[in-house]
PDB file of N, CA and C in Angstrom:
ATOM      1  N   MET A   1       0.823  -1.200   0.000  1.00  0.00           N
ATOM      2  CA  MET A   1       0.000   0.000   0.000  1.00  0.00           C
ATOM      3  C   MET A   1       0.863   1.259   0.000  1.00  0.00           C
ATOM      4  N   ALA A   2       1.942   1.273   0.794  1.00  0.00           N
ATOM      5  CA  ALA A   2       2.780   2.463   0.892  1.00  0.00           C
ATOM      6  C   ALA A   2       3.452   2.778  -0.441  1.00  0.00           C
ATOM      7  N   LYS A   3       3.891   1.731  -1.173  1.00  0.00           N
ATOM      8  CA  LYS A   3       4.518   1.968  -2.471  1.00  0.00           C
ATOM      9  C   LYS A   3       3.512   2.537  -3.462  1.00  0.00           C
ATOM     10  N   ASN A   4       2.291   1.988  -3.469  1.00  0.00           N
ATOM     11  CA  ASN A   4       1.262   2.496  -4.357  1.00  0.00           C
ATOM     12  C   ASN A   4       0.912   3.933  -4.006  1.00  0.00           C
ATOM     13  N   ASN A   5       0.841   4.229  -2.700  1.00  0.00           N
ATOM     14  CA  ASN A   5       0.530   5.579  -2.241  1.00  0.00           C
ATOM     15  C   ASN A   5       1.643   6.541  -2.679  1.00  0.00           C
ATOM     16  N   ARG A   6       2.876   6.126  -2.538  1.00  0.00           N
ATOM     17  CA  ARG A   6       4.013   6.963  -2.944  1.00  0.00           C
ATOM     18  C   ARG A   6       3.987   7.201  -4.455  1.00  0.00           C
ATOM     19  N   LYS A   7       3.696   6.158  -5.212  1.00  0.00           N
ATOM     20  CA  LYS A   7       3.615   6.271  -6.660  1.00  0.00           C
ATOM     21  C   LYS A   7       2.499   7.240  -7.064  1.00  0.00           C
ATOM     22  N   ALA A   8       1.361   7.160  -6.386  1.00  0.00           N
ATOM     23  CA  ALA A   8       0.232   8.045  -6.677  1.00  0.00           C
ATOM     24  C   ALA A   8       0.580   9.489  -6.316  1.00  0.00           C
ATOM     25  N   ARG A   9       1.254   9.703  -5.182  1.00  0.00           N
ATOM     26  CA  ARG A   9       1.651  11.061  -4.801  1.00  0.00           C
ATOM     27  C   ARG A   9       2.620  11.657  -5.816  1.00  0.00           C
ATOM     28  N   ARG A  10       3.540  10.847  -6.309  1.00  0.00           N
ATOM     29  CA  ARG A  10       4.482  11.319  -7.325  1.00  0.00           C
ATOM     30  C   ARG A  10       3.753  11.637  -8.626  1.00  0.00           C
ATOM     31  N   ALA A  11       2.794  10.803  -8.991  1.00  0.00           N
ATOM     32  CA  ALA A  11       2.006  11.045 -10.203  1.00  0.00           C
ATOM     33  C   ALA A  11       1.205  12.333 -10.059  1.00  0.00           C
ATOM     34  N   TRP A  12       0.654  12.581  -8.874  1.00  0.00           N
ATOM     35  CA  TRP A  12      -0.105  13.803  -8.622  1.00  0.00           C
ATOM     36  C   TRP A  12       0.804  15.030  -8.726  1.00  0.00           C
ATOM     37  N   ALA A  13       1.996  14.955  -8.156  1.00  0.00           N
ATOM     38  CA  ALA A  13       2.939  16.073  -8.239  1.00  0.00           C
ATOM     39  C   ALA A  13       3.335  16.338  -9.696  1.00  0.00           C
ATOM     40  N   ALA A  14       3.553  15.279 -10.463  1.00  0.00           N
ATOM     41  CA  ALA A  14       3.910  15.431 -11.875  1.00  0.00           C
ATOM     42  C   ALA A  14       2.758  16.041 -12.671  1.00  0.00           C
ATOM     43  N   ALA A  15       1.529  15.623 -12.381  1.00  0.00           N
ATOM     44  CA  ALA A  15       0.356  16.163 -13.082  1.00  0.00           C
ATOM     45  C   ALA A  15       0.175  17.644 -12.761  1.00  0.00           C
ATOM     46  N   ARG A  16       0.350  18.021 -11.495  1.00  0.00           N
ATOM     47  CA  ARG A  16       0.244  19.432 -11.121  1.00  0.00           C
ATOM     48  C   ARG A  16       1.298  20.258 -11.841  1.00  0.00           C
ATOM     49  N   LYS A  17       2.524  19.766 -11.855  1.00  0.00           N
ATOM     50  CA  LYS A  17       3.619  20.492 -12.499  1.00  0.00           C
ATOM     51  C   LYS A  17       3.367  20.642 -14.000  1.00  0.00           C
ATOM     52  N   LYS A  18       2.816  19.619 -14.616  1.00  0.00           N
ATOM     53  CA  LYS A  18       2.585  19.635 -16.058  1.00  0.00           C
ATOM     54  C   LYS A  18       1.413  20.530 -16.450  1.00  0.00           C
ATOM     55  N   HIS A  19       0.319  20.494 -15.685  1.00  0.00           N
ATOM     56  CA  HIS A  19      -0.919  21.127 -16.120  1.00  0.00           C
ATOM     57  C   HIS A  19      -1.243  22.465 -15.455  1.00  0.00           C
ATOM     58  N   ILE A  20      -0.739  22.733 -14.269  1.00  0.00           N
ATOM     59  CA  ILE A  20      -1.049  23.991 -13.597  1.00  0.00           C
ATOM     60  C   ILE A  20       0.021  25.009 -13.973  1.00  0.00           C
ATOM     61  N   LYS A  21      -0.379  25.942 -14.818  1.00  0.00           N
ATOM     62  CA  LYS A  21       0.547  26.960 -15.323  1.00  0.00           C
ATOM     63  C   LYS A  21      -0.005  28.345 -15.040  1.00  0.00           C
ATOM     64  N   ARG A  22       0.876  29.285 -14.839  1.00  0.00           N
ATOM     65  CA  ARG A  22       0.491  30.679 -14.619  1.00  0.00           C
ATOM     66  C   ARG A  22      -0.231  31.209 -15.847  1.00  0.00           C
ATOM     67  N   GLY A  23      -1.349  31.873 -15.633  1.00  0.00           N
ATOM     68  CA  GLY A  23      -2.114  32.457 -16.717  1.00  0.00           C
ATOM     69  C   GLY A  23      -3.118  31.510 -17.367  1.00  0.00           C
ATOM     70  N   CYS A  24      -3.147  30.257 -16.932  1.00  0.00           N
ATOM     71  CA  CYS A  24      -4.094  29.279 -17.479  1.00  0.00           C
ATOM     72  C   CYS A  24      -5.092  28.880 -16.392  1.00  0.00           C
ATOM     73  N   ILE A  25      -6.302  28.577 -16.807  1.00  0.00           N
ATOM     74  CA  ILE A  25      -7.325  28.128 -15.861  1.00  0.00           C
ATOM     75  C   ILE A  25      -7.263  26.610 -15.748  1.00  0.00           C
ATOM     76  N   THR A  26      -7.103  26.130 -14.540  1.00  0.00           N
ATOM     77  CA  THR A  26      -7.114  24.701 -14.258  1.00  0.00           C
ATOM     78  C   THR A  26      -8.068  24.469 -13.098  1.00  0.00           C
ATOM     79  N   ILE A  27      -8.987  23.554 -13.277  1.00  0.00           N
ATOM     80  CA  ILE A  27      -9.972  23.230 -12.245  1.00  0.00           C
ATOM     81  C   ILE A  27      -9.487  22.009 -11.486  1.00  0.00           C
ATOM     82  N   LEU A  28      -9.470  22.116 -10.177  1.00  0.00           N
ATOM     83  CA  LEU A  28      -9.028  21.036  -9.310  1.00  0.00           C
ATOM     84  C   LEU A  28     -10.225  20.499  -8.551  1.00  0.00           C
ATOM     85  N   GLU A  29     -10.435  19.188  -8.596  1.00  0.00           N
ATOM     86  CA  GLU A  29     -11.534  18.563  -7.861  1.00  0.00           C
ATOM     87  C   GLU A  29     -10.984  17.449  -6.973  1.00  0.00           C
ATOM     88  N   TYR A  30     -11.505  17.399  -5.761  1.00  0.00           N
ATOM     89  CA  TYR A  30     -11.242  16.283  -4.853  1.00  0.00           C
ATOM     90  C   TYR A  30     -12.552  15.531  -4.716  1.00  0.00           C
ATOM     91  N   LEU A  31     -12.558  14.271  -5.053  1.00  0.00           N
ATOM     92  CA  LEU A  31     -13.771  13.464  -4.986  1.00  0.00           C
ATOM     93  C   LEU A  31     -13.715  12.599  -3.726  1.00  0.00           C
ATOM     94  N   HIS A  32     -14.319  13.105  -2.634  1.00  0.00           N
ATOM     95  CA  HIS A  32     -14.301  12.427  -1.340  1.00  0.00           C
ATOM     96  C   HIS A  32     -15.359  11.333  -1.290  1.00  0.00           C
ATOM     97  N   ASP A  33     -15.117  10.330  -0.441  1.00  0.00           N
ATOM     98  CA  ASP A  33     -16.120   9.300  -0.173  1.00  0.00           C
ATOM     99  C   ASP A  33     -17.298   9.944   0.550  1.00  0.00           C
ATOM    100  N   HIS A  34     -18.467   9.329   0.434  1.00  0.00           N
ATOM    101  CA  HIS A  34     -19.669   9.885   1.069  1.00  0.00           C
ATOM    102  C   HIS A  34     -19.565   9.911   2.594  1.00  0.00           C
ATOM    103  N   ASP A  35     -18.811   8.971   3.173  1.00  0.00           N
ATOM    104  CA  ASP A  35     -18.699   8.920   4.630  1.00  0.00           C
ATOM    105  C   ASP A  35     -17.422   9.596   5.148  1.00  0.00           C
ATOM    106  N   CYS A  36     -16.786  10.406   4.328  1.00  0.00           N
ATOM    107  CA  CYS A  36     -15.556  11.101   4.711  1.00  0.00           C
ATOM    108  C   CYS A  36     -15.849  12.130   5.807  1.00  0.00           C
ATOM    109  N   GLY A  37     -14.884  12.329   6.685  1.00  0.00           N
ATOM    110  CA  GLY A  37     -15.009  13.295   7.767  1.00  0.00           C
ATOM    111  C   GLY A  37     -15.023  14.741   7.298  1.00  0.00           C
ATOM    112  N   ILE A  38     -14.704  14.990   6.033  1.00  0.00           N
ATOM    113  CA  ILE A  38     -14.732  16.357   5.504  1.00  0.00           C
ATOM    114  C   ILE A  38     -16.148  16.917   5.541  1.00  0.00           C
ATOM    115  N   TYR A  39     -17.139  16.020   5.527  1.00  0.00           N
ATOM    116  CA  TYR A  39     -18.541  16.435   5.563  1.00  0.00           C
ATOM    117  C   TYR A  39     -19.100  16.509   6.984  1.00  0.00           C
ATOM    118  N   SER A  40     -18.268  16.265   7.989  1.00  0.00           N
ATOM    119  CA  SER A  40     -18.699  16.351   9.384  1.00  0.00           C
ATOM    120  C   SER A  40     -18.323  17.715   9.960  1.00  0.00           C
ATOM    121  N   ALA A  41     -18.624  17.929  11.211  1.00  0.00           N
ATOM    122  CA  ALA A  41     -18.316  19.204  11.865  1.00  0.00           C
ATOM    123  C   ALA A  41     -16.810  19.445  11.972  1.00  0.00           C
ATOM    124  N   GLU A  42     -16.012  18.377  12.036  1.00  0.00           N
ATOM    125  CA  GLU A  42     -14.559  18.528  12.171  1.00  0.00           C
ATOM    126  C   GLU A  42     -13.897  19.016  10.883  1.00  0.00           C
ATOM    127  N   ARG A  43     -14.525  18.726   9.721  1.00  0.00           N
ATOM    128  CA  ARG A  43     -14.010  19.129   8.412  1.00  0.00           C
ATOM    129  C   ARG A  43     -12.600  18.609   8.149  1.00  0.00           C
ATOM    130  N   ILE A  44     -12.299  17.385   8.614  1.00  0.00           N
ATOM    131  CA  ILE A  44     -10.999  16.763   8.402  1.00  0.00           C
ATOM    132  C   ILE A  44     -11.196  15.535   7.514  1.00  0.00           C
ATOM    133  N   CYS A  45     -10.429  15.440   6.447  1.00  0.00           N
ATOM    134  CA  CYS A  45     -10.550  14.334   5.508  1.00  0.00           C
ATOM    135  C   CYS A  45     -10.089  13.030   6.152  1.00  0.00           C
ATOM    136  N   THR A  46     -10.927  12.021   6.050  1.00  0.00           N
ATOM    137  CA  THR A  46     -10.603  10.699   6.578  1.00  0.00           C
ATOM    138  C   THR A  46     -10.651   9.631   5.488  1.00  0.00           C
ATOM    139  N   CYS A  47     -10.714  10.068   4.230  1.00  0.00           N
ATOM    140  CA  CYS A  47     -10.760   9.110   3.125  1.00  0.00           C
ATOM    141  C   CYS A  47      -9.522   9.290   2.249  1.00  0.00           C
ATOM    142  N   ASN A  48      -9.510   8.621   1.150  1.00  0.00           N
ATOM    143  CA  ASN A  48      -8.427   8.711   0.190  1.00  0.00           C
ATOM    144  C   ASN A  48      -9.048   9.223  -1.116  1.00  0.00           C
ATOM    145  N   PRO A  49      -9.296  10.549  -1.231  1.00  0.00           N
ATOM    146  CA  PRO A  49     -10.070  11.063  -2.371  1.00  0.00           C
ATOM    147  C   PRO A  49      -9.327  10.957  -3.694  1.00  0.00           C
ATOM    148  N   ASP A  50     -10.095  10.781  -4.753  1.00  0.00           N
ATOM    149  CA  ASP A  50      -9.534  10.869  -6.097  1.00  0.00           C
ATOM    150  C   ASP A  50      -9.300  12.346  -6.387  1.00  0.00           C
ATOM    151  N   ARG A  51      -8.224  12.630  -7.093  1.00  0.00           N
ATOM    152  CA  ARG A  51      -7.900  14.001  -7.464  1.00  0.00           C
ATOM    153  C   ARG A  51      -8.039  14.123  -8.977  1.00  0.00           C
ATOM    154  N   VAL A  52      -8.709  15.182  -9.419  1.00  0.00           N
ATOM    155  CA  VAL A  52      -8.957  15.378 -10.844  1.00  0.00           C
ATOM    156  C   VAL A  52      -8.560  16.803 -11.225  1.00  0.00           C
ATOM    157  N   LEU A  53      -7.795  16.919 -12.288  1.00  0.00           N
ATOM    158  CA  LEU A  53      -7.467  18.217 -12.874  1.00  0.00           C
ATOM    159  C   LEU A  53      -8.217  18.328 -14.191  1.00  0.00           C
ATOM    160  N   LYS A  54      -8.880  19.482 -14.396  1.00  0.00           N
ATOM    161  CA  LYS A  54      -9.629  19.721 -15.630  1.00  0.00           C
ATOM    162  C   LYS A  54      -9.185  21.050 -16.231  1.00  0.00           C
ATOM    163  N   ASP A  55      -9.353  21.168 -17.537  1.00  0.00           N
ATOM    164  CA  ASP A  55      -9.063  22.442 -18.184  1.00  0.00           C
ATOM    165  C   ASP A  55     -10.287  23.349 -18.099  1.00  0.00           C
ATOM    166  N   ASP A  56     -10.199  24.534 -18.687  1.00  0.00           N
ATOM    167  CA  ASP A  56     -11.281  25.504 -18.587  1.00  0.00           C
ATOM    168  C   ASP A  56     -12.556  25.075 -19.309  1.00  0.00           C
ATOM    169  N   LYS A  57     -12.486  24.065 -20.156  1.00  0.00           N
ATOM    170  CA  LYS A  57     -13.667  23.535 -20.833  1.00  0.00           C
ATOM    171  C   LYS A  57     -14.238  22.306 -20.127  1.00  0.00           C
ATOM    172  N   GLY A  58     -13.629  21.906 -19.014  1.00  0.00           N
ATOM    173  CA  GLY A  58     -14.117  20.771 -18.243  1.00  0.00           C
ATOM    174  C   GLY A  58     -13.547  19.423 -18.667  1.00  0.00           C
ATOM    175  N   ARG A  59     -12.604  19.429 -19.602  1.00  0.00           N
ATOM    176  CA  ARG A  59     -11.984  18.176 -20.032  1.00  0.00           C
ATOM    177  C   ARG A  59     -10.980  17.708 -18.982  1.00  0.00           C
ATOM    178  N   VAL A  60     -10.990  16.413 -18.702  1.00  0.00           N
ATOM    179  CA  VAL A  60     -10.097  15.853 -17.696  1.00  0.00           C
ATOM    180  C   VAL A  60      -8.674  15.813 -18.245  1.00  0.00           C
ATOM    181  N   LEU A  61      -7.763  16.448 -17.517  1.00  0.00           N
ATOM    182  CA  LEU A  61      -6.347  16.449 -17.868  1.00  0.00           C
ATOM    183  C   LEU A  61      -5.615  15.329 -17.151  1.00  0.00           C
ATOM    184  N   ALA A  62      -5.995  15.082 -15.902  1.00  0.00           N
ATOM    185  CA  ALA A  62      -5.369  14.029 -15.100  1.00  0.00           C
ATOM    186  C   ALA A  62      -6.336  13.582 -14.018  1.00  0.00           C
ATOM    187  N   ARG A  63      -6.299  12.293 -13.700  1.00  0.00           N
ATOM    188  CA  ARG A  63      -7.091  11.745 -12.609  1.00  0.00           C
ATOM    189  C   ARG A  63      -6.180  10.789 -11.840  1.00  0.00           C
ATOM    190  N   ILE A  64      -5.977  11.085 -10.568  1.00  0.00           N
ATOM    191  CA  ILE A  64      -5.075  10.309  -9.733  1.00  0.00           C
ATOM    192  C   ILE A  64      -5.871   9.694  -8.583  1.00  0.00           C
ATOM    193  N   GLU A  65      -5.718   8.408  -8.381  1.00  0.00           N
ATOM    194  CA  GLU A  65      -6.390   7.707  -7.286  1.00  0.00           C
ATOM    195  C   GLU A  65      -5.345   7.255  -6.274  1.00  0.00           C
ATOM    196  N   GLY A  66      -5.687   7.325  -4.999  1.00  0.00           N
ATOM    197  CA  GLY A  66      -4.836   6.763  -3.957  1.00  0.00           C
ATOM    198  C   GLY A  66      -3.656   7.600  -3.541  1.00  0.00           C
ATOM    199  N   ALA A  67      -3.738   8.925  -3.666  1.00  0.00           N
ATOM    200  CA  ALA A  67      -2.615   9.789  -3.301  1.00  0.00           C
ATOM    201  C   ALA A  67      -2.659  10.231  -1.840  1.00  0.00           C
ATOM    202  N   GLY A  68      -3.576   9.700  -1.060  1.00  0.00           N
ATOM    203  CA  GLY A  68      -3.622  10.011   0.362  1.00  0.00           C
ATOM    204  C   GLY A  68      -4.692  11.014   0.729  1.00  0.00           C
ATOM    205  N   PHE A  69      -4.676  11.397   1.994  1.00  0.00           N
ATOM    206  CA  PHE A  69      -5.668  12.318   2.539  1.00  0.00           C
ATOM    207  C   PHE A  69      -5.567  13.684   1.886  1.00  0.00           C
ATOM    208  N   TYR A  70      -6.660  14.421   1.915  1.00  0.00           N
ATOM    209  CA  TYR A  70      -6.706  15.797   1.411  1.00  0.00           C
ATOM    210  C   TYR A  70      -6.029  16.714   2.412  1.00  0.00           C
ATOM    211  N   ASP A  71      -5.107  17.522   1.929  1.00  0.00           N
ATOM    212  CA  ASP A  71      -4.431  18.524   2.749  1.00  0.00           C
ATOM    213  C   ASP A  71      -4.689  19.888   2.123  1.00  0.00           C
ATOM    214  N   PRO A  72      -5.409  20.781   2.816  1.00  0.00           N
ATOM    215  CA  PRO A  72      -5.740  22.072   2.213  1.00  0.00           C
ATOM    216  C   PRO A  72      -4.518  22.929   1.882  1.00  0.00           C
ATOM    217  N   LEU A  73      -3.386  22.650   2.466  1.00  0.00           N
ATOM    218  CA  LEU A  73      -2.169  23.430   2.191  1.00  0.00           C
ATOM    219  C   LEU A  73      -1.300  22.799   1.101  1.00  0.00           C
ATOM    220  N   GLU A  74      -1.792  21.737   0.517  1.00  0.00           N
ATOM    221  CA  GLU A  74      -1.038  20.991  -0.484  1.00  0.00           C
ATOM    222  C   GLU A  74      -0.602  21.837  -1.673  1.00  0.00           C
ATOM    223  N   LEU A  75      -1.436  22.752  -2.106  1.00  0.00           N
ATOM    224  CA  LEU A  75      -1.122  23.567  -3.273  1.00  0.00           C
ATOM    225  C   LEU A  75      -0.467  24.896  -2.908  1.00  0.00           C
ATOM    226  N   ALA A  76      -0.227  25.149  -1.631  1.00  0.00           N
ATOM    227  CA  ALA A  76       0.348  26.411  -1.190  1.00  0.00           C
ATOM    228  C   ALA A  76       1.880  26.360  -1.120  1.00  0.00           C
ATOM    229  N   GLU A  77       2.473  25.292  -1.592  1.00  0.00           N
ATOM    230  CA  GLU A  77       3.915  25.132  -1.450  1.00  0.00           C
ATOM    231  C   GLU A  77       4.724  26.187  -2.194  1.00  0.00           C
ATOM    232  N   GLY A  78       4.167  26.761  -3.257  1.00  0.00           N
ATOM    233  CA  GLY A  78       4.898  27.783  -3.999  1.00  0.00           C
ATOM    234  C   GLY A  78       4.520  29.197  -3.602  1.00  0.00           C
ATOM    235  N   ALA A  79       3.589  29.332  -2.678  1.00  0.00           N
ATOM    236  CA  ALA A  79       3.109  30.670  -2.309  1.00  0.00           C
ATOM    237  C   ALA A  79       4.025  31.358  -1.324  1.00  0.00           C
TER     238      ALA A  79
END
């Protein structure tokens, strides 16, 4: 499981680097499980959501499964 998770995290990082560019619109979606804690009062992810990157027309650019819990600061690394 850990190797698959690591592989998925690397794939997610590569997809972000490839598709998220300055001046371009990229839509990011996290597809949480229905019983995930993100929908509770704690608002903490307890599932392993699928991550989807889409272009401005809604076409899927990348879909990564199994990259781990949702971290709201995940995309703030360059800020």
